[in-house]
Structure formats: C-alpha cells, structure tokens
Amino acid sequence: MAAVSHALAARHGVDAELTLEAESITSRILAEVEYLPSVAARAWRWAPEMEEIAATLRSTGLPPDLAEAGATVLRHWTADKDRFDLPLEKVLAHLHTPDDQD
C-alpha cells in the first residue's frame, strides 16, 4: 500500500509532501485494539473515499485492488455508523461474512 501511495504521489508531483507527512506519523494502530470500535463507528465515510481512491489509481494505471479491498472491509461496518459504544468483540465479528460467523 505504501508503494502504491508513493507511486500515485509521484505521478501527481506531491511525493515530497507525502514523505514529509509520513515521517510525522507515529501511529501504533495495530497495537491499540481499543481504538478499533472508533474506527468501525466512522467507517461509513471511508468506504466511499476508498472507492474514489481506487478510481484514481485505476485512472493513472496503478493497481486499485488494495483500495477496493479496503472499501469492502469498511462496508462491513456500515451498520455500526456512529456506534462508538460497541465492544471490540462485536466490531471484529462484523468483519466476518454471514456464512463465517463462528
């Protein structure tokens, strides 16, 4: 995903800005699972943005697959819109497909 981001930024002449922004990020999102219910509650707005990113990538000849997959994942949380009170277990369960609800 990082490589595709840099390729897109380079295509549009903003690669230096992307690198500068990336250097300021200190996120530990994978380690901070308590943050995921907040992500699920806001995912309704990001799925359409990921679809726009996929279209932009496609239009510049870059692979849109990761952005499309991201949109698919985020749509699993559509019903969780603004539900900041959901427990982590429910948030993770909503990522499963209906036939995979063990």
PDB file of N, CA and C in Angstrom:
ATOM      1  N   MET A   1       0.831  -1.189   0.000  1.00  0.00           N
ATOM      2  CA  MET A   1       0.000   0.000   0.000  1.00  0.00           C
ATOM      3  C   MET A   1       0.876   1.253   0.000  1.00  0.00           C
ATOM      4  N   ALA A   2       1.957   1.219   0.766  1.00  0.00           N
ATOM      5  CA  ALA A   2       2.855   2.373   0.801  1.00  0.00           C
ATOM      6  C   ALA A   2       3.465   2.632  -0.571  1.00  0.00           C
ATOM      7  N   ALA A   3       3.871   1.573  -1.259  1.00  0.00           N
ATOM      8  CA  ALA A   3       4.481   1.736  -2.578  1.00  0.00           C
ATOM      9  C   ALA A   3       3.495   2.346  -3.563  1.00  0.00           C
ATOM     10  N   VAL A   4       2.250   1.889  -3.534  1.00  0.00           N
ATOM     11  CA  VAL A   4       1.229   2.434  -4.427  1.00  0.00           C
ATOM     12  C   VAL A   4       0.970   3.905  -4.075  1.00  0.00           C
ATOM     13  N   SER A   5       0.945   4.218  -2.794  1.00  0.00           N
ATOM     14  CA  SER A   5       0.746   5.605  -2.369  1.00  0.00           C
ATOM     15  C   SER A   5       1.855   6.498  -2.888  1.00  0.00           C
ATOM     16  N   HIS A   6       3.086   6.030  -2.797  1.00  0.00           N
ATOM     17  CA  HIS A   6       4.209   6.833  -3.272  1.00  0.00           C
ATOM     18  C   HIS A   6       4.200   6.959  -4.796  1.00  0.00           C
ATOM     19  N   ALA A   7       3.817   5.886  -5.489  1.00  0.00           N
ATOM     20  CA  ALA A   7       3.736   5.955  -6.951  1.00  0.00           C
ATOM     21  C   ALA A   7       2.678   6.966  -7.382  1.00  0.00           C
ATOM     22  N   LEU A   8       1.535   6.970  -6.716  1.00  0.00           N
ATOM     23  CA  LEU A   8       0.476   7.924  -7.036  1.00  0.00           C
ATOM     24  C   LEU A   8       0.924   9.350  -6.719  1.00  0.00           C
ATOM     25  N   ALA A   9       1.555   9.531  -5.570  1.00  0.00           N
ATOM     26  CA  ALA A   9       2.037  10.860  -5.196  1.00  0.00           C
ATOM     27  C   ALA A   9       3.064  11.369  -6.204  1.00  0.00           C
ATOM     28  N   ALA A  10       3.952  10.486  -6.636  1.00  0.00           N
ATOM     29  CA  ALA A  10       4.962  10.876  -7.623  1.00  0.00           C
ATOM     30  C   ALA A  10       4.309  11.273  -8.940  1.00  0.00           C
ATOM     31  N   ARG A  11       3.275  10.528  -9.343  1.00  0.00           N
ATOM     32  CA  ARG A  11       2.562  10.827 -10.589  1.00  0.00           C
ATOM     33  C   ARG A  11       1.965  12.226 -10.554  1.00  0.00           C
ATOM     34  N   HIS A  12       1.543  12.650  -9.355  1.00  0.00           N
ATOM     35  CA  HIS A  12       0.903  13.962  -9.212  1.00  0.00           C
ATOM     36  C   HIS A  12       1.849  15.036  -8.668  1.00  0.00           C
ATOM     37  N   GLY A  13       3.128  14.684  -8.532  1.00  0.00           N
ATOM     38  CA  GLY A  13       4.108  15.674  -8.114  1.00  0.00           C
ATOM     39  C   GLY A  13       4.075  16.072  -6.657  1.00  0.00           C
ATOM     40  N   VAL A  14       3.512  15.222  -5.813  1.00  0.00           N
ATOM     41  CA  VAL A  14       3.437  15.546  -4.387  1.00  0.00           C
ATOM     42  C   VAL A  14       4.160  14.506  -3.530  1.00  0.00           C
ATOM     43  N   ASP A  15       5.138  13.829  -4.119  1.00  0.00           N
ATOM     44  CA  ASP A  15       5.845  12.773  -3.396  1.00  0.00           C
ATOM     45  C   ASP A  15       6.640  13.313  -2.209  1.00  0.00           C
ATOM     46  N   ALA A  16       7.245  14.485  -2.338  1.00  0.00           N
ATOM     47  CA  ALA A  16       7.983  15.060  -1.209  1.00  0.00           C
ATOM     48  C   ALA A  16       7.035  15.368  -0.049  1.00  0.00           C
ATOM     49  N   GLU A  17       5.844  15.876  -0.363  1.00  0.00           N
ATOM     50  CA  GLU A  17       4.859  16.177   0.670  1.00  0.00           C
ATOM     51  C   GLU A  17       4.392  14.903   1.378  1.00  0.00           C
ATOM     52  N   LEU A  18       4.183  13.837   0.596  1.00  0.00           N
ATOM     53  CA  LEU A  18       3.773  12.570   1.200  1.00  0.00           C
ATOM     54  C   LEU A  18       4.852  12.050   2.143  1.00  0.00           C
ATOM     55  N   THR A  19       6.088  12.091   1.716  1.00  0.00           N
ATOM     56  CA  THR A  19       7.185  11.623   2.559  1.00  0.00           C
ATOM     57  C   THR A  19       7.273  12.444   3.838  1.00  0.00           C
ATOM     58  N   LEU A  20       7.145  13.748   3.734  1.00  0.00           N
ATOM     59  CA  LEU A  20       7.176  14.613   4.904  1.00  0.00           C
ATOM     60  C   LEU A  20       6.044  14.275   5.873  1.00  0.00           C
ATOM     61  N   GLU A  21       4.845  14.083   5.324  1.00  0.00           N
ATOM     62  CA  GLU A  21       3.689  13.723   6.167  1.00  0.00           C
ATOM     63  C   GLU A  21       3.912  12.369   6.830  1.00  0.00           C
ATOM     64  N   ALA A  22       4.415  11.410   6.078  1.00  0.00           N
ATOM     65  CA  ALA A  22       4.625  10.061   6.611  1.00  0.00           C
ATOM     66  C   ALA A  22       5.646  10.054   7.743  1.00  0.00           C
ATOM     67  N   GLU A  23       6.638  10.921   7.649  1.00  0.00           N
ATOM     68  CA  GLU A  23       7.661  10.990   8.697  1.00  0.00           C
ATOM     69  C   GLU A  23       7.101  11.476  10.021  1.00  0.00           C
ATOM     70  N   SER A  24       5.978  12.170   9.999  1.00  0.00           N
ATOM     71  CA  SER A  24       5.391  12.692  11.235  1.00  0.00           C
ATOM     72  C   SER A  24       4.434  11.709  11.904  1.00  0.00           C
ATOM     73  N   ILE A  25       4.123  10.619  11.235  1.00  0.00           N
ATOM     74  CA  ILE A  25       3.159   9.662  11.779  1.00  0.00           C
ATOM     75  C   ILE A  25       3.852   8.725  12.773  1.00  0.00           C
ATOM     76  N   THR A  26       3.278   8.617  13.935  1.00  0.00           N
ATOM     77  CA  THR A  26       3.823   7.725  14.964  1.00  0.00           C
ATOM     78  C   THR A  26       2.776   6.726  15.434  1.00  0.00           C
ATOM     79  N   SER A  27       1.832   6.419  14.578  1.00  0.00           N
ATOM     80  CA  SER A  27       0.707   5.558  14.938  1.00  0.00           C
ATOM     81  C   SER A  27       1.144   4.134  15.274  1.00  0.00           C
ATOM     82  N   ARG A  28       0.477   3.573  16.243  1.00  0.00           N
ATOM     83  CA  ARG A  28       0.664   2.178  16.617  1.00  0.00           C
ATOM     84  C   ARG A  28      -0.696   1.479  16.531  1.00  0.00           C
ATOM     85  N   ILE A  29      -1.457   1.747  15.469  1.00  0.00           N
ATOM     86  CA  ILE A  29      -2.843   1.287  15.352  1.00  0.00           C
ATOM     87  C   ILE A  29      -2.985  -0.217  15.531  1.00  0.00           C
ATOM     88  N   LEU A  30      -2.043  -1.005  15.057  1.00  0.00           N
ATOM     89  CA  LEU A  30      -2.159  -2.454  15.188  1.00  0.00           C
ATOM     90  C   LEU A  30      -2.052  -2.889  16.648  1.00  0.00           C
ATOM     91  N   ALA A  31      -1.316  -2.160  17.440  1.00  0.00           N
ATOM     92  CA  ALA A  31      -1.150  -2.493  18.852  1.00  0.00           C
ATOM     93  C   ALA A  31      -2.257  -1.922  19.722  1.00  0.00           C
ATOM     94  N   GLU A  32      -3.008  -0.969  19.218  1.00  0.00           N
ATOM     95  CA  GLU A  32      -4.017  -0.278  20.010  1.00  0.00           C
ATOM     96  C   GLU A  32      -5.425  -0.740  19.616  1.00  0.00           C
ATOM     97  N   VAL A  33      -5.758  -1.985  19.965  1.00  0.00           N
ATOM     98  CA  VAL A  33      -7.033  -2.572  19.541  1.00  0.00           C
ATOM     99  C   VAL A  33      -8.240  -1.858  20.132  1.00  0.00           C
ATOM    100  N   GLU A  34      -8.082  -1.181  21.257  1.00  0.00           N
ATOM    101  CA  GLU A  34      -9.215  -0.467  21.850  1.00  0.00           C
ATOM    102  C   GLU A  34      -9.686   0.682  20.960  1.00  0.00           C
ATOM    103  N   TYR A  35      -8.893   1.054  19.980  1.00  0.00           N
ATOM    104  CA  TYR A  35      -9.238   2.117  19.040  1.00  0.00           C
ATOM    105  C   TYR A  35     -10.164   1.616  17.923  1.00  0.00           C
ATOM    106  N   LEU A  36     -10.233   0.313  17.714  1.00  0.00           N
ATOM    107  CA  LEU A  36     -10.985  -0.240  16.581  1.00  0.00           C
ATOM    108  C   LEU A  36     -12.487   0.050  16.618  1.00  0.00           C
ATOM    109  N   PRO A  37     -13.169   0.043  17.780  1.00  0.00           N
ATOM    110  CA  PRO A  37     -14.594   0.422  17.756  1.00  0.00           C
ATOM    111  C   PRO A  37     -14.808   1.837  17.212  1.00  0.00           C
ATOM    112  N   SER A  38     -13.892   2.738  17.498  1.00  0.00           N
ATOM    113  CA  SER A  38     -13.985   4.095  16.955  1.00  0.00           C
ATOM    114  C   SER A  38     -13.808   4.083  15.441  1.00  0.00           C
ATOM    115  N   VAL A  39     -12.928   3.241  14.951  1.00  0.00           N
ATOM    116  CA  VAL A  39     -12.728   3.113  13.502  1.00  0.00           C
ATOM    117  C   VAL A  39     -14.008   2.582  12.858  1.00  0.00           C
ATOM    118  N   ALA A  40     -14.595   1.555  13.442  1.00  0.00           N
ATOM    119  CA  ALA A  40     -15.824   0.971  12.894  1.00  0.00           C
ATOM    120  C   ALA A  40     -16.953   1.999  12.873  1.00  0.00           C
ATOM    121  N   ALA A  41     -17.057   2.814  13.915  1.00  0.00           N
ATOM    122  CA  ALA A  41     -18.120   3.818  14.007  1.00  0.00           C
ATOM    123  C   ALA A  41     -17.997   4.892  12.931  1.00  0.00           C
ATOM    124  N   ARG A  42     -16.777   5.099  12.414  1.00  0.00           N
ATOM    125  CA  ARG A  42     -16.547   6.122  11.399  1.00  0.00           C
ATOM    126  C   ARG A  42     -16.309   5.538  10.013  1.00  0.00           C
ATOM    127  N   ALA A  43     -16.361   4.223   9.883  1.00  0.00           N
ATOM    128  CA  ALA A  43     -16.043   3.563   8.615  1.00  0.00           C
ATOM    129  C   ALA A  43     -17.024   3.920   7.502  1.00  0.00           C
ATOM    130  N   TRP A  44     -18.256   4.310   7.832  1.00  0.00           N
ATOM    131  CA  TRP A  44     -19.269   4.647   6.826  1.00  0.00           C
ATOM    132  C   TRP A  44     -18.783   5.741   5.881  1.00  0.00           C
ATOM    133  N   ARG A  45     -17.921   6.635   6.363  1.00  0.00           N
ATOM    134  CA  ARG A  45     -17.463   7.726   5.496  1.00  0.00           C
ATOM    135  C   ARG A  45     -16.236   7.337   4.696  1.00  0.00           C
ATOM    136  N   TRP A  46     -15.502   6.346   5.156  1.00  0.00           N
ATOM    137  CA  TRP A  46     -14.250   5.989   4.490  1.00  0.00           C
ATOM    138  C   TRP A  46     -14.425   5.030   3.323  1.00  0.00           C
ATOM    139  N   ALA A  47     -15.463   4.199   3.343  1.00  0.00           N
ATOM    140  CA  ALA A  47     -15.675   3.268   2.222  1.00  0.00           C
ATOM    141  C   ALA A  47     -15.821   4.030   0.899  1.00  0.00           C
ATOM    142  N   PRO A  48     -16.657   5.060   0.826  1.00  0.00           N
ATOM    143  CA  PRO A  48     -16.745   5.821  -0.427  1.00  0.00           C
ATOM    144  C   PRO A  48     -15.419   6.490  -0.796  1.00  0.00           C
ATOM    145  N   GLU A  49     -14.665   6.935   0.198  1.00  0.00           N
ATOM    146  CA  GLU A  49     -13.367   7.550  -0.090  1.00  0.00           C
ATOM    147  C   GLU A  49     -12.406   6.517  -0.679  1.00  0.00           C
ATOM    148  N   MET A  50     -12.449   5.296  -0.161  1.00  0.00           N
ATOM    149  CA  MET A  50     -11.592   4.241  -0.701  1.00  0.00           C
ATOM    150  C   MET A  50     -11.991   3.914  -2.137  1.00  0.00           C
ATOM    151  N   GLU A  51     -13.285   3.976  -2.441  1.00  0.00           N
ATOM    152  CA  GLU A  51     -13.732   3.754  -3.820  1.00  0.00           C
ATOM    153  C   GLU A  51     -13.215   4.858  -4.735  1.00  0.00           C
ATOM    154  N   GLU A  52     -13.195   6.098  -4.238  1.00  0.00           N
ATOM    155  CA  GLU A  52     -12.637   7.212  -5.014  1.00  0.00           C
ATOM    156  C   GLU A  52     -11.135   7.011  -5.241  1.00  0.00           C
ATOM    157  N   ILE A  53     -10.451   6.538  -4.224  1.00  0.00           N
ATOM    158  CA  ILE A  53      -9.020   6.267  -4.353  1.00  0.00           C
ATOM    159  C   ILE A  53      -8.796   5.181  -5.396  1.00  0.00           C
ATOM    160  N   ALA A  54      -9.610   4.127  -5.365  1.00  0.00           N
ATOM    161  CA  ALA A  54      -9.491   3.053  -6.360  1.00  0.00           C
ATOM    162  C   ALA A  54      -9.672   3.599  -7.768  1.00  0.00           C
ATOM    163  N   ALA A  55     -10.651   4.466  -7.946  1.00  0.00           N
ATOM    164  CA  ALA A  55     -10.884   5.060  -9.275  1.00  0.00           C
ATOM    165  C   ALA A  55      -9.698   5.914  -9.713  1.00  0.00           C
ATOM    166  N   THR A  56      -9.127   6.663  -8.782  1.00  0.00           N
ATOM    167  CA  THR A  56      -7.960   7.483  -9.100  1.00  0.00           C
ATOM    168  C   THR A  56      -6.776   6.614  -9.492  1.00  0.00           C
ATOM    169  N   LEU A  57      -6.547   5.549  -8.724  1.00  0.00           N
ATOM    170  CA  LEU A  57      -5.449   4.633  -9.050  1.00  0.00           C
ATOM    171  C   LEU A  57      -5.652   4.017 -10.430  1.00  0.00           C
ATOM    172  N   ARG A  58      -6.868   3.565 -10.676  1.00  0.00           N
ATOM    173  CA  ARG A  58      -7.190   2.945 -11.964  1.00  0.00           C
ATOM    174  C   ARG A  58      -6.929   3.923 -13.106  1.00  0.00           C
ATOM    175  N   SER A  59      -7.297   5.184 -12.916  1.00  0.00           N
ATOM    176  CA  SER A  59      -7.147   6.183 -13.977  1.00  0.00           C
ATOM    177  C   SER A  59      -5.686   6.527 -14.261  1.00  0.00           C
ATOM    178  N   THR A  60      -4.800   6.247 -13.313  1.00  0.00           N
ATOM    179  CA  THR A  60      -3.381   6.532 -13.530  1.00  0.00           C
ATOM    180  C   THR A  60      -2.585   5.274 -13.838  1.00  0.00           C
ATOM    181  N   GLY A  61      -3.290   4.163 -14.046  1.00  0.00           N
ATOM    182  CA  GLY A  61      -2.615   2.926 -14.409  1.00  0.00           C
ATOM    183  C   GLY A  61      -1.997   2.185 -13.245  1.00  0.00           C
ATOM    184  N   LEU A  62      -2.382   2.535 -12.023  1.00  0.00           N
ATOM    185  CA  LEU A  62      -1.893   1.837 -10.832  1.00  0.00           C
ATOM    186  C   LEU A  62      -2.945   0.839 -10.374  1.00  0.00           C
ATOM    187  N   PRO A  63      -2.534  -0.229  -9.695  1.00  0.00           N
ATOM    188  CA  PRO A  63      -3.499  -1.251  -9.286  1.00  0.00           C
ATOM    189  C   PRO A  63      -4.446  -0.740  -8.185  1.00  0.00           C
ATOM    190  N   PRO A  64      -5.760  -0.860  -8.408  1.00  0.00           N
ATOM    191  CA  PRO A  64      -6.737  -0.371  -7.441  1.00  0.00           C
ATOM    192  C   PRO A  64      -7.148  -1.413  -6.391  1.00  0.00           C
ATOM    193  N   ASP A  65      -6.596  -2.602  -6.480  1.00  0.00           N
ATOM    194  CA  ASP A  65      -7.068  -3.735  -5.691  1.00  0.00           C
ATOM    195  C   ASP A  65      -7.085  -3.499  -4.177  1.00  0.00           C
ATOM    196  N   LEU A  66      -6.025  -2.912  -3.630  1.00  0.00           N
ATOM    197  CA  LEU A  66      -5.979  -2.686  -2.181  1.00  0.00           C
ATOM    198  C   LEU A  66      -7.042  -1.688  -1.735  1.00  0.00           C
ATOM    199  N   ALA A  67      -7.242  -0.638  -2.509  1.00  0.00           N
ATOM    200  CA  ALA A  67      -8.270   0.342  -2.161  1.00  0.00           C
ATOM    201  C   ALA A  67      -9.659  -0.278  -2.255  1.00  0.00           C
ATOM    202  N   GLU A  68      -9.878  -1.089  -3.283  1.00  0.00           N
ATOM    203  CA  GLU A  68     -11.167  -1.770  -3.419  1.00  0.00           C
ATOM    204  C   GLU A  68     -11.396  -2.722  -2.250  1.00  0.00           C
ATOM    205  N   ALA A  69     -10.355  -3.436  -1.856  1.00  0.00           N
ATOM    206  CA  ALA A  69     -10.468  -4.347  -0.707  1.00  0.00           C
ATOM    207  C   ALA A  69     -10.739  -3.561   0.570  1.00  0.00           C
ATOM    208  N   GLY A  70     -10.074  -2.427   0.713  1.00  0.00           N
ATOM    209  CA  GLY A  70     -10.329  -1.582   1.876  1.00  0.00           C
ATOM    210  C   GLY A  70     -11.773  -1.124   1.941  1.00  0.00           C
ATOM    211  N   ALA A  71     -12.322  -0.730   0.807  1.00  0.00           N
ATOM    212  CA  ALA A  71     -13.729  -0.320   0.764  1.00  0.00           C
ATOM    213  C   ALA A  71     -14.644  -1.476   1.156  1.00  0.00           C
ATOM    214  N   THR A  72     -14.312  -2.664   0.683  1.00  0.00           N
ATOM    215  CA  THR A  72     -15.116  -3.848   1.024  1.00  0.00           C
ATOM    216  C   THR A  72     -15.104  -4.091   2.525  1.00  0.00           C
ATOM    217  N   VAL A  73     -13.932  -4.026   3.133  1.00  0.00           N
ATOM    218  CA  VAL A  73     -13.816  -4.236   4.578  1.00  0.00           C
ATOM    219  C   VAL A  73     -14.606  -3.171   5.333  1.00  0.00           C
ATOM    220  N   LEU A  74     -14.439  -1.921   4.948  1.00  0.00           N
ATOM    221  CA  LEU A  74     -15.122  -0.838   5.651  1.00  0.00           C
ATOM    222  C   LEU A  74     -16.635  -0.935   5.531  1.00  0.00           C
ATOM    223  N   ARG A  75     -17.140  -1.438   4.412  1.00  0.00           N
ATOM    224  CA  ARG A  75     -18.590  -1.601   4.257  1.00  0.00           C
ATOM    225  C   ARG A  75     -19.160  -2.632   5.236  1.00  0.00           C
ATOM    226  N   HIS A  76     -18.345  -3.527   5.737  1.00  0.00           N
ATOM    227  CA  HIS A  76     -18.824  -4.481   6.755  1.00  0.00           C
ATOM    228  C   HIS A  76     -19.280  -3.747   8.014  1.00  0.00           C
ATOM    229  N   TRP A  77     -18.790  -2.547   8.227  1.00  0.00           N
ATOM    230  CA  TRP A  77     -19.127  -1.771   9.417  1.00  0.00           C
ATOM    231  C   TRP A  77     -20.190  -0.717   9.144  1.00  0.00           C
ATOM    232  N   THR A  78     -20.871  -0.775   8.027  1.00  0.00           N
ATOM    233  CA  THR A  78     -21.879   0.234   7.689  1.00  0.00           C
ATOM    234  C   THR A  78     -22.940   0.376   8.783  1.00  0.00           C
ATOM    235  N   ALA A  79     -23.403  -0.732   9.316  1.00  0.00           N
ATOM    236  CA  ALA A  79     -24.446  -0.689  10.353  1.00  0.00           C
ATOM    237  C   ALA A  79     -23.921  -0.163  11.684  1.00  0.00           C
ATOM    238  N   ASP A  80     -22.620  -0.032  11.804  1.00  0.00           N
ATOM    239  CA  ASP A  80     -22.019   0.453  13.048  1.00  0.00           C
ATOM    240  C   ASP A  80     -21.848   1.973  13.062  1.00  0.00           C
ATOM    241  N   LYS A  81     -22.425   2.646  12.065  1.00  0.00           N
ATOM    242  CA  LYS A  81     -22.268   4.100  11.937  1.00  0.00           C
ATOM    243  C   LYS A  81     -22.558   4.813  13.262  1.00  0.00           C
ATOM    244  N   ASP A  82     -21.571   5.576  13.713  1.00  0.00           N
ATOM    245  CA  ASP A  82     -21.665   6.392  14.925  1.00  0.00           C
ATOM    246  C   ASP A  82     -21.941   5.583  16.192  1.00  0.00           C
ATOM    247  N   ARG A  83     -21.691   4.278  16.161  1.00  0.00           N
ATOM    248  CA  ARG A  83     -21.879   3.418  17.344  1.00  0.00           C
ATOM    249  C   ARG A  83     -20.550   3.277  18.088  1.00  0.00           C
ATOM    250  N   PHE A  84     -20.154   4.311  18.761  1.00  0.00           N
ATOM    251  CA  PHE A  84     -18.883   4.319  19.478  1.00  0.00           C
ATOM    252  C   PHE A  84     -18.925   3.446  20.734  1.00  0.00           C
ATOM    253  N   ASP A  85     -20.096   2.941  21.088  1.00  0.00           N
ATOM    254  CA  ASP A  85     -20.267   2.146  22.297  1.00  0.00           C
ATOM    255  C   ASP A  85     -20.102   0.649  22.067  1.00  0.00           C
ATOM    256  N   LEU A  86     -19.883   0.210  20.843  1.00  0.00           N
ATOM    257  CA  LEU A  86     -19.790  -1.221  20.564  1.00  0.00           C
ATOM    258  C   LEU A  86     -18.535  -1.822  21.181  1.00  0.00           C
ATOM    259  N   PRO A  87     -18.676  -3.015  21.769  1.00  0.00           N
ATOM    260  CA  PRO A  87     -17.485  -3.688  22.299  1.00  0.00           C
ATOM    261  C   PRO A  87     -16.619  -4.226  21.150  1.00  0.00           C
ATOM    262  N   LEU A  88     -15.356  -4.366  21.405  1.00  0.00           N
ATOM    263  CA  LEU A  88     -14.404  -4.825  20.407  1.00  0.00           C
ATOM    264  C   LEU A  88     -14.832  -6.146  19.784  1.00  0.00           C
ATOM    265  N   GLU A  89     -15.355  -7.060  20.578  1.00  0.00           N
ATOM    266  CA  GLU A  89     -15.760  -8.371  20.063  1.00  0.00           C
ATOM    267  C   GLU A  89     -16.811  -8.244  18.959  1.00  0.00           C
ATOM    268  N   LYS A  90     -17.783  -7.349  19.149  1.00  0.00           N
ATOM    269  CA  LYS A  90     -18.822  -7.133  18.133  1.00  0.00           C
ATOM    270  C   LYS A  90     -18.234  -6.500  16.882  1.00  0.00           C
ATOM    271  N   VAL A  91     -17.358  -5.527  17.069  1.00  0.00           N
ATOM    272  CA  VAL A  91     -16.726  -4.843  15.941  1.00  0.00           C
ATOM    273  C   VAL A  91     -15.974  -5.856  15.076  1.00  0.00           C
ATOM    274  N   LEU A  92     -15.224  -6.733  15.712  1.00  0.00           N
ATOM    275  CA  LEU A  92     -14.472  -7.744  14.965  1.00  0.00           C
ATOM    276  C   LEU A  92     -15.399  -8.770  14.334  1.00  0.00           C
ATOM    277  N   ALA A  93     -16.475  -9.124  15.026  1.00  0.00           N
ATOM    278  CA  ALA A  93     -17.429 -10.096  14.485  1.00  0.00           C
ATOM    279  C   ALA A  93     -18.104  -9.575  13.220  1.00  0.00           C
ATOM    280  N   HIS A  94     -18.311  -8.275  13.140  1.00  0.00           N
ATOM    281  CA  HIS A  94     -18.969  -7.697  11.967  1.00  0.00           C
ATOM    282  C   HIS A  94     -18.106  -7.781  10.702  1.00  0.00           C
ATOM    283  N   LEU A  95     -16.845  -8.100  10.857  1.00  0.00           N
ATOM    284  CA  LEU A  95     -15.976  -8.261   9.693  1.00  0.00           C
ATOM    285  C   LEU A  95     -16.170  -9.608   9.001  1.00  0.00           C
ATOM    286  N   HIS A  96     -16.762 -10.546   9.695  1.00  0.00           N
ATOM    287  CA  HIS A  96     -16.974 -11.877   9.122  1.00  0.00           C
ATOM    288  C   HIS A  96     -18.123 -11.866   8.126  1.00  0.00           C
ATOM    289  N   THR A  97     -18.023 -12.712   7.124  1.00  0.00           N
ATOM    290  CA  THR A  97     -19.120 -12.875   6.185  1.00  0.00           C
ATOM    291  C   THR A  97     -20.215 -13.679   6.878  1.00  0.00           C
ATOM    292  N   PRO A  98     -21.474 -13.562   6.440  1.00  0.00           N
ATOM    293  CA  PRO A  98     -22.573 -14.246   7.112  1.00  0.00           C
ATOM    294  C   PRO A  98     -22.385 -15.748   7.295  1.00  0.00           C
ATOM    295  N   ASP A  99     -21.750 -16.422   6.344  1.00  0.00           N
ATOM    296  CA  ASP A  99     -21.562 -17.864   6.466  1.00  0.00           C
ATOM    297  C   ASP A  99     -20.306 -18.229   7.266  1.00  0.00           C
ATOM    298  N   ASP A 100     -19.651 -17.233   7.869  1.00  0.00           N
ATOM    299  CA  ASP A 100     -18.414 -17.450   8.604  1.00  0.00           C
ATOM    300  C   ASP A 100     -18.541 -16.924  10.039  1.00  0.00           C
ATOM    301  N   GLN A 101     -19.714 -17.050  10.647  1.00  0.00           N
ATOM    302  CA  GLN A 101     -19.980 -16.480  11.956  1.00  0.00           C
ATOM    303  C   GLN A 101     -19.738 -17.459  13.097  1.00  0.00           C
ATOM    304  N   ASP A 102     -18.602 -18.052  13.194  1.00  0.00           N
ATOM    305  CA  ASP A 102     -18.311 -18.983  14.303  1.00  0.00           C
ATOM    306  C   ASP A 102     -18.062 -18.263  15.585  1.00  0.00           C
TER     307      ASP A 102
END
